[in-house]
């Protein structure tokens, strides 16, 4: 799987990149030069705290993980090519930064708010990319 992933590109290269373990993802943040606030995604035009332009802000990579705040099972596809049912959740990936993400588990019975999720690469071979999917920290790569 690692060789397969390294030949693919990230679906959203401004948000994440393949981590050194070859299956999990690192998120890409920017850090404001004025106030030090960490912003996501890294390519936002201005700091979420002070509004300073982030064109010269350094990029930071951090392990893609976060705290599950809430989740829902979606039974109807919301966008073309979406598989249903699917589980989506709000995940706190850093202080003050909450993102929505797909949770790659078969059903929501093992999920609970407050648990730690990690971001992993989901292969989309037909598109030549890998996407971001979250799984509970103690689980292996979703299939």
N, C-alpha and C. Protein backbone atom coordinates (compact mmCIF):
# COMPACT_ATOMS: atom_id res chain seq x y z
N UNK A 1 0.81 -1.20 0.00
CA UNK A 1 0.00 0.00 0.00
C UNK A 1 0.86 1.26 0.00
N UNK A 2 1.98 1.24 0.71
CA UNK A 2 2.84 2.43 0.80
C UNK A 2 3.34 2.81 -0.59
N UNK A 3 3.81 1.84 -1.39
CA UNK A 3 4.28 2.14 -2.74
C UNK A 3 3.16 2.74 -3.58
N UNK A 4 1.96 2.21 -3.43
CA UNK A 4 0.82 2.71 -4.18
C UNK A 4 0.54 4.17 -3.80
N UNK A 5 0.58 4.48 -2.52
CA UNK A 5 0.29 5.85 -2.07
C UNK A 5 1.33 6.85 -2.55
N UNK A 6 2.60 6.46 -2.55
CA UNK A 6 3.63 7.41 -2.94
C UNK A 6 3.54 7.77 -4.42
N UNK A 7 2.88 6.95 -5.22
CA UNK A 7 2.70 7.28 -6.64
C UNK A 7 1.46 8.15 -6.87
N UNK A 8 0.64 8.30 -5.85
CA UNK A 8 -0.58 9.10 -5.96
C UNK A 8 -0.35 10.50 -5.39
N UNK A 9 -1.22 11.42 -5.75
CA UNK A 9 -1.16 12.79 -5.25
C UNK A 9 -2.29 13.01 -4.26
N UNK A 10 -2.13 13.94 -3.32
CA UNK A 10 -3.23 14.25 -2.41
C UNK A 10 -4.38 14.90 -3.16
N UNK A 11 -5.60 14.53 -2.82
CA UNK A 11 -6.78 15.14 -3.42
C UNK A 11 -6.81 16.63 -3.11
N UNK A 12 -6.40 17.02 -1.92
CA UNK A 12 -6.35 18.42 -1.49
C UNK A 12 -4.94 18.75 -0.98
N UNK A 13 -4.00 19.05 -1.88
CA UNK A 13 -2.60 19.23 -1.48
C UNK A 13 -2.34 20.43 -0.58
N UNK A 14 -3.27 21.36 -0.49
CA UNK A 14 -3.07 22.50 0.42
C UNK A 14 -3.50 22.17 1.84
N UNK A 15 -4.15 21.01 2.03
CA UNK A 15 -4.64 20.63 3.35
C UNK A 15 -3.78 19.58 4.04
N UNK A 16 -3.28 18.61 3.29
CA UNK A 16 -2.57 17.50 3.90
C UNK A 16 -1.55 16.90 2.95
N UNK A 17 -0.66 16.10 3.55
CA UNK A 17 0.34 15.35 2.79
C UNK A 17 0.55 14.02 3.49
N UNK A 18 1.10 13.07 2.76
CA UNK A 18 1.37 11.75 3.31
C UNK A 18 2.44 11.85 4.39
N UNK A 19 2.19 11.24 5.53
CA UNK A 19 3.15 11.25 6.64
C UNK A 19 4.27 10.24 6.37
N UNK A 20 5.30 10.28 7.17
CA UNK A 20 6.46 9.41 6.97
C UNK A 20 6.15 7.93 7.11
N UNK A 21 5.05 7.57 7.81
CA UNK A 21 4.71 6.15 7.94
C UNK A 21 4.06 5.59 6.68
N UNK A 22 3.72 6.46 5.72
CA UNK A 22 3.19 6.01 4.44
C UNK A 22 1.70 5.74 4.39
N UNK A 23 0.99 5.89 5.51
CA UNK A 23 -0.46 5.66 5.50
C UNK A 23 -1.23 6.79 6.17
N UNK A 24 -0.68 7.38 7.21
CA UNK A 24 -1.39 8.47 7.88
C UNK A 24 -1.04 9.78 7.19
N UNK A 25 -1.76 10.83 7.56
CA UNK A 25 -1.58 12.13 6.93
C UNK A 25 -1.10 13.17 7.93
N UNK A 26 -0.34 14.11 7.44
CA UNK A 26 0.02 15.30 8.20
C UNK A 26 -0.79 16.45 7.65
N UNK A 27 -1.31 17.31 8.53
CA UNK A 27 -2.04 18.49 8.11
C UNK A 27 -1.05 19.64 7.94
N UNK A 28 -1.39 20.55 7.02
CA UNK A 28 -0.53 21.69 6.73
C UNK A 28 -1.19 22.96 7.27
N UNK A 29 -0.52 23.61 8.20
CA UNK A 29 -1.00 24.83 8.84
C UNK A 29 -0.06 25.98 8.46
N UNK A 30 -0.49 27.20 8.74
CA UNK A 30 0.39 28.36 8.66
C UNK A 30 0.38 29.02 10.04
N UNK A 31 1.48 29.69 10.37
CA UNK A 31 1.55 30.36 11.66
C UNK A 31 1.77 31.85 11.43
N UNK A 32 0.87 32.64 11.97
CA UNK A 32 0.91 34.09 11.80
C UNK A 32 2.21 34.65 12.37
N UNK A 33 2.86 35.50 11.58
CA UNK A 33 4.10 36.14 12.03
C UNK A 33 3.87 37.23 13.05
N UNK A 34 2.64 37.75 13.13
CA UNK A 34 2.35 38.84 14.06
C UNK A 34 1.93 38.31 15.42
N UNK A 35 0.93 37.43 15.46
CA UNK A 35 0.39 36.99 16.76
C UNK A 35 0.72 35.54 17.10
N UNK A 36 1.25 34.77 16.15
CA UNK A 36 1.62 33.39 16.41
C UNK A 36 0.49 32.38 16.29
N UNK A 37 -0.72 32.82 15.94
CA UNK A 37 -1.85 31.91 15.82
C UNK A 37 -1.62 30.92 14.67
N UNK A 38 -1.98 29.67 14.92
CA UNK A 38 -1.92 28.63 13.90
C UNK A 38 -3.23 28.65 13.13
N UNK A 39 -3.14 28.65 11.80
CA UNK A 39 -4.31 28.74 10.92
C UNK A 39 -4.39 27.52 10.02
N UNK A 40 -5.62 27.14 9.67
CA UNK A 40 -5.86 26.02 8.76
C UNK A 40 -7.06 26.37 7.91
N UNK A 41 -6.95 26.10 6.62
CA UNK A 41 -5.78 25.58 5.91
C UNK A 41 -4.68 26.63 5.80
N UNK A 42 -3.52 26.17 5.40
CA UNK A 42 -2.35 27.05 5.35
C UNK A 42 -2.49 28.16 4.32
N UNK A 43 -3.35 27.96 3.34
CA UNK A 43 -3.45 28.95 2.26
C UNK A 43 -4.56 29.97 2.47
N UNK A 44 -5.09 30.08 3.70
CA UNK A 44 -6.08 31.14 3.95
C UNK A 44 -5.36 32.48 3.80
N UNK A 45 -6.07 33.52 3.33
CA UNK A 45 -5.39 34.79 3.07
C UNK A 45 -4.98 35.57 4.31
N UNK A 46 -5.73 35.41 5.42
CA UNK A 46 -5.41 36.19 6.60
C UNK A 46 -5.56 35.39 7.87
N UNK A 47 -4.90 35.84 8.91
CA UNK A 47 -4.93 35.18 10.21
C UNK A 47 -6.34 35.24 10.80
N UNK A 48 -6.78 34.13 11.34
CA UNK A 48 -8.12 34.06 11.94
C UNK A 48 -8.20 34.85 13.25
N UNK A 49 -7.07 35.19 13.83
CA UNK A 49 -7.07 35.92 15.10
C UNK A 49 -6.90 37.43 14.90
N UNK A 50 -5.87 37.82 14.13
CA UNK A 50 -5.57 39.25 14.01
C UNK A 50 -5.80 39.81 12.60
N UNK A 51 -6.03 38.95 11.62
CA UNK A 51 -6.28 39.40 10.26
C UNK A 51 -5.04 39.70 9.44
N UNK A 52 -3.86 39.54 10.02
CA UNK A 52 -2.62 39.80 9.29
C UNK A 52 -2.54 38.91 8.05
N UNK A 53 -2.09 39.45 6.91
CA UNK A 53 -1.92 38.61 5.72
C UNK A 53 -0.93 37.47 6.00
N UNK A 54 -1.23 36.31 5.46
CA UNK A 54 -0.40 35.13 5.72
C UNK A 54 0.46 34.74 4.53
N UNK A 55 0.66 35.66 3.59
CA UNK A 55 1.43 35.33 2.39
C UNK A 55 2.87 34.92 2.70
N UNK A 56 3.44 35.46 3.74
CA UNK A 56 4.83 35.13 4.12
C UNK A 56 4.90 34.22 5.35
N UNK A 57 3.76 33.77 5.83
CA UNK A 57 3.73 32.95 7.05
C UNK A 57 4.37 31.60 6.82
N UNK A 58 5.14 31.12 7.80
CA UNK A 58 5.74 29.79 7.66
C UNK A 58 4.67 28.69 7.69
N UNK A 59 4.93 27.62 6.98
CA UNK A 59 4.06 26.45 6.96
C UNK A 59 4.52 25.47 8.02
N UNK A 60 3.55 24.88 8.69
CA UNK A 60 3.83 23.87 9.71
C UNK A 60 3.10 22.60 9.34
N UNK A 61 3.73 21.47 9.53
CA UNK A 61 3.01 20.21 9.38
C UNK A 61 2.90 19.58 10.75
N UNK A 62 1.72 19.06 11.01
CA UNK A 62 1.44 18.39 12.28
C UNK A 62 0.70 17.10 11.97
N UNK A 63 0.86 16.09 12.83
CA UNK A 63 0.13 14.85 12.60
C UNK A 63 -1.37 15.11 12.46
N UNK A 64 -1.98 14.50 11.46
CA UNK A 64 -3.41 14.66 11.21
C UNK A 64 -4.22 13.86 12.20
N UNK A 65 -4.68 14.54 13.20
CA UNK A 65 -5.51 13.89 14.21
C UNK A 65 -6.34 14.95 14.91
N UNK A 66 -7.32 14.48 15.68
CA UNK A 66 -8.14 15.43 16.40
C UNK A 66 -9.17 14.75 17.27
N UNK A 67 -9.91 15.57 17.99
CA UNK A 67 -10.93 15.10 18.92
C UNK A 67 -12.29 15.13 18.24
N UNK A 68 -12.99 14.02 18.29
CA UNK A 68 -14.33 13.93 17.70
C UNK A 68 -15.31 14.69 18.60
N UNK A 69 -15.94 15.71 18.03
CA UNK A 69 -16.89 16.53 18.79
C UNK A 69 -18.32 16.05 18.62
N UNK A 70 -18.68 15.68 17.39
CA UNK A 70 -20.01 15.15 17.10
C UNK A 70 -19.95 14.43 15.77
N UNK A 71 -20.94 13.57 15.51
CA UNK A 71 -20.95 12.82 14.26
C UNK A 71 -22.38 12.46 13.90
N UNK A 72 -22.56 12.14 12.62
CA UNK A 72 -23.88 11.79 12.11
C UNK A 72 -23.69 10.78 10.97
N UNK A 73 -24.63 9.85 10.86
CA UNK A 73 -24.63 8.93 9.73
C UNK A 73 -25.52 9.52 8.65
N UNK A 74 -24.98 9.66 7.47
CA UNK A 74 -25.69 10.24 6.33
C UNK A 74 -26.18 9.09 5.46
N UNK A 75 -27.47 9.03 5.23
CA UNK A 75 -28.06 7.91 4.48
C UNK A 75 -28.38 8.24 3.03
N UNK A 76 -28.24 9.49 2.64
CA UNK A 76 -28.51 9.91 1.27
C UNK A 76 -27.27 10.64 0.74
N UNK A 77 -26.77 10.29 -0.44
CA UNK A 77 -25.59 10.99 -0.98
C UNK A 77 -25.85 12.49 -1.10
N UNK A 78 -24.94 13.29 -0.58
CA UNK A 78 -25.08 14.74 -0.62
C UNK A 78 -24.41 15.37 -1.84
N UNK A 79 -23.45 14.64 -2.40
CA UNK A 79 -22.73 15.11 -3.58
C UNK A 79 -22.57 13.95 -4.55
N UNK A 80 -22.31 14.24 -5.82
CA UNK A 80 -22.10 13.14 -6.78
C UNK A 80 -20.97 12.22 -6.34
N UNK A 81 -21.12 10.95 -6.59
CA UNK A 81 -20.13 9.91 -6.27
C UNK A 81 -19.95 9.66 -4.78
N UNK A 82 -20.77 10.25 -3.94
CA UNK A 82 -20.69 10.00 -2.50
C UNK A 82 -21.33 8.65 -2.18
N UNK A 83 -20.63 7.85 -1.41
CA UNK A 83 -21.17 6.58 -0.95
C UNK A 83 -22.08 6.82 0.24
N UNK A 84 -23.20 6.12 0.27
CA UNK A 84 -24.10 6.22 1.42
C UNK A 84 -24.46 4.80 1.85
N UNK A 85 -24.57 4.52 3.11
CA UNK A 85 -24.41 5.49 4.20
C UNK A 85 -22.94 5.87 4.39
N UNK A 86 -22.74 7.03 4.95
CA UNK A 86 -21.41 7.54 5.29
C UNK A 86 -21.52 8.23 6.64
N UNK A 87 -20.41 8.28 7.33
CA UNK A 87 -20.38 8.93 8.64
C UNK A 87 -19.50 10.17 8.54
N UNK A 88 -20.04 11.30 8.96
CA UNK A 88 -19.30 12.55 8.95
C UNK A 88 -19.25 13.08 10.37
N UNK A 89 -18.21 13.83 10.67
CA UNK A 89 -18.09 14.37 12.01
C UNK A 89 -17.39 15.70 12.04
N UNK A 90 -17.57 16.41 13.13
CA UNK A 90 -16.82 17.62 13.43
C UNK A 90 -15.65 17.20 14.31
N UNK A 91 -14.44 17.58 13.87
CA UNK A 91 -13.22 17.14 14.53
C UNK A 91 -12.36 18.36 14.85
N UNK A 92 -11.99 18.51 16.12
CA UNK A 92 -11.10 19.60 16.53
C UNK A 92 -9.68 19.15 16.23
N UNK A 93 -9.07 19.79 15.21
CA UNK A 93 -7.72 19.38 14.79
C UNK A 93 -6.63 20.23 15.43
N UNK A 94 -7.00 21.33 16.04
CA UNK A 94 -6.07 22.20 16.77
C UNK A 94 -6.92 23.14 17.61
N UNK A 95 -6.29 23.84 18.55
CA UNK A 95 -7.03 24.80 19.36
C UNK A 95 -7.75 25.79 18.47
N UNK A 96 -9.07 25.87 18.61
CA UNK A 96 -9.87 26.82 17.85
C UNK A 96 -10.13 26.43 16.41
N UNK A 97 -9.69 25.25 15.98
CA UNK A 97 -9.89 24.83 14.58
C UNK A 97 -10.68 23.53 14.55
N UNK A 98 -11.91 23.62 14.03
CA UNK A 98 -12.78 22.46 13.90
C UNK A 98 -13.07 22.26 12.43
N UNK A 99 -12.85 21.06 11.95
CA UNK A 99 -13.09 20.72 10.56
C UNK A 99 -14.08 19.58 10.47
N UNK A 100 -14.81 19.54 9.37
CA UNK A 100 -15.69 18.41 9.09
C UNK A 100 -14.87 17.36 8.36
N UNK A 101 -15.14 16.11 8.67
CA UNK A 101 -14.41 15.04 8.00
C UNK A 101 -15.24 13.79 7.88
N UNK A 102 -14.84 12.95 6.93
CA UNK A 102 -15.45 11.64 6.75
C UNK A 102 -14.78 10.69 7.71
N UNK A 103 -15.58 9.88 8.39
CA UNK A 103 -15.04 8.91 9.34
C UNK A 103 -15.17 7.53 8.70
N UNK A 104 -14.04 6.88 8.49
CA UNK A 104 -13.98 5.62 7.75
C UNK A 104 -14.18 4.40 8.61
N UNK A 105 -15.38 4.25 9.15
CA UNK A 105 -15.75 3.04 9.90
C UNK A 105 -17.04 2.50 9.29
N UNK A 106 -17.30 1.21 9.51
CA UNK A 106 -18.48 0.58 8.91
C UNK A 106 -19.79 1.11 9.48
N UNK A 107 -19.81 1.40 10.77
CA UNK A 107 -20.99 1.99 11.40
C UNK A 107 -20.53 2.82 12.59
N UNK A 108 -21.46 3.56 13.17
CA UNK A 108 -21.06 4.50 14.24
C UNK A 108 -21.08 3.90 15.64
N UNK A 109 -21.29 2.57 15.75
CA UNK A 109 -21.43 1.96 17.08
C UNK A 109 -20.17 2.08 17.94
N UNK A 110 -18.99 2.17 17.33
CA UNK A 110 -17.76 2.29 18.09
C UNK A 110 -17.29 3.72 18.30
N UNK A 111 -18.05 4.67 17.81
CA UNK A 111 -17.66 6.08 17.95
C UNK A 111 -18.25 6.68 19.21
N UNK A 112 -17.51 7.62 19.79
CA UNK A 112 -18.01 8.38 20.92
C UNK A 112 -17.38 9.76 20.90
N UNK A 113 -18.13 10.75 21.32
CA UNK A 113 -17.56 12.09 21.36
C UNK A 113 -16.40 12.11 22.34
N UNK A 114 -15.41 12.89 22.02
CA UNK A 114 -14.22 12.99 22.86
C UNK A 114 -13.10 12.05 22.46
N UNK A 115 -13.39 11.05 21.63
CA UNK A 115 -12.33 10.12 21.24
C UNK A 115 -11.38 10.77 20.24
N UNK A 116 -10.16 10.26 20.18
CA UNK A 116 -9.16 10.78 19.26
C UNK A 116 -9.25 10.02 17.94
N UNK A 117 -9.27 10.79 16.86
CA UNK A 117 -9.28 10.22 15.52
C UNK A 117 -7.97 10.59 14.84
N UNK A 118 -7.53 9.73 13.93
CA UNK A 118 -6.35 10.06 13.13
C UNK A 118 -6.75 10.10 11.66
N UNK A 119 -6.07 10.93 10.91
CA UNK A 119 -6.31 11.07 9.48
C UNK A 119 -5.44 10.08 8.73
N UNK A 120 -6.07 9.33 7.83
CA UNK A 120 -5.34 8.37 7.02
C UNK A 120 -5.65 8.61 5.55
N UNK A 121 -4.82 8.04 4.70
CA UNK A 121 -5.00 8.17 3.26
C UNK A 121 -5.96 7.10 2.76
N UNK A 122 -6.98 7.54 2.02
CA UNK A 122 -7.90 6.62 1.36
C UNK A 122 -7.61 6.68 -0.14
N UNK A 123 -7.21 5.55 -0.69
CA UNK A 123 -6.81 5.49 -2.10
C UNK A 123 -8.03 5.64 -3.01
N UNK A 124 -7.90 6.52 -3.96
CA UNK A 124 -8.89 6.68 -5.03
C UNK A 124 -8.14 6.50 -6.34
N UNK A 125 -7.85 5.24 -6.62
CA UNK A 125 -6.97 4.89 -7.73
C UNK A 125 -7.46 5.42 -9.07
N UNK A 126 -8.75 5.35 -9.33
CA UNK A 126 -9.30 5.81 -10.61
C UNK A 126 -9.00 7.29 -10.85
N UNK A 127 -8.90 8.06 -9.78
CA UNK A 127 -8.61 9.49 -9.89
C UNK A 127 -7.12 9.78 -9.77
N UNK A 128 -6.34 8.79 -9.34
CA UNK A 128 -4.90 8.98 -9.16
C UNK A 128 -4.56 9.79 -7.93
N UNK A 129 -5.43 9.75 -6.91
CA UNK A 129 -5.23 10.56 -5.70
C UNK A 129 -5.50 9.72 -4.45
N UNK A 130 -5.14 10.31 -3.33
CA UNK A 130 -5.60 9.80 -2.04
C UNK A 130 -6.32 10.93 -1.33
N UNK A 131 -7.36 10.54 -0.58
CA UNK A 131 -8.19 11.50 0.14
C UNK A 131 -7.97 11.31 1.63
N UNK A 132 -8.50 12.22 2.41
CA UNK A 132 -8.40 12.18 3.86
C UNK A 132 -9.65 11.53 4.45
N UNK A 133 -9.43 10.52 5.29
CA UNK A 133 -10.50 9.86 6.03
C UNK A 133 -10.01 9.72 7.46
N UNK A 134 -10.90 9.89 8.41
CA UNK A 134 -10.54 9.74 9.82
C UNK A 134 -10.96 8.37 10.33
N UNK A 135 -10.15 7.80 11.20
CA UNK A 135 -10.48 6.55 11.88
C UNK A 135 -10.10 6.70 13.35
N UNK A 136 -10.72 5.92 14.23
CA UNK A 136 -10.29 5.95 15.63
C UNK A 136 -8.80 5.67 15.73
N UNK A 137 -8.15 6.33 16.65
CA UNK A 137 -6.69 6.28 16.78
C UNK A 137 -6.15 4.85 16.87
N UNK A 138 -6.91 3.94 17.47
CA UNK A 138 -6.41 2.58 17.66
C UNK A 138 -6.69 1.65 16.49
N UNK A 139 -7.31 2.14 15.42
CA UNK A 139 -7.64 1.29 14.27
C UNK A 139 -6.57 1.40 13.19
N UNK A 140 -6.51 0.38 12.36
CA UNK A 140 -5.63 0.38 11.21
C UNK A 140 -6.31 1.09 10.05
N UNK A 141 -5.64 1.11 8.93
CA UNK A 141 -6.14 1.78 7.74
C UNK A 141 -7.49 1.23 7.32
N UNK A 142 -8.43 2.13 7.02
CA UNK A 142 -9.75 1.72 6.56
C UNK A 142 -9.66 1.20 5.13
N UNK A 143 -10.54 0.28 4.79
CA UNK A 143 -10.52 -0.24 3.43
C UNK A 143 -11.77 0.15 2.69
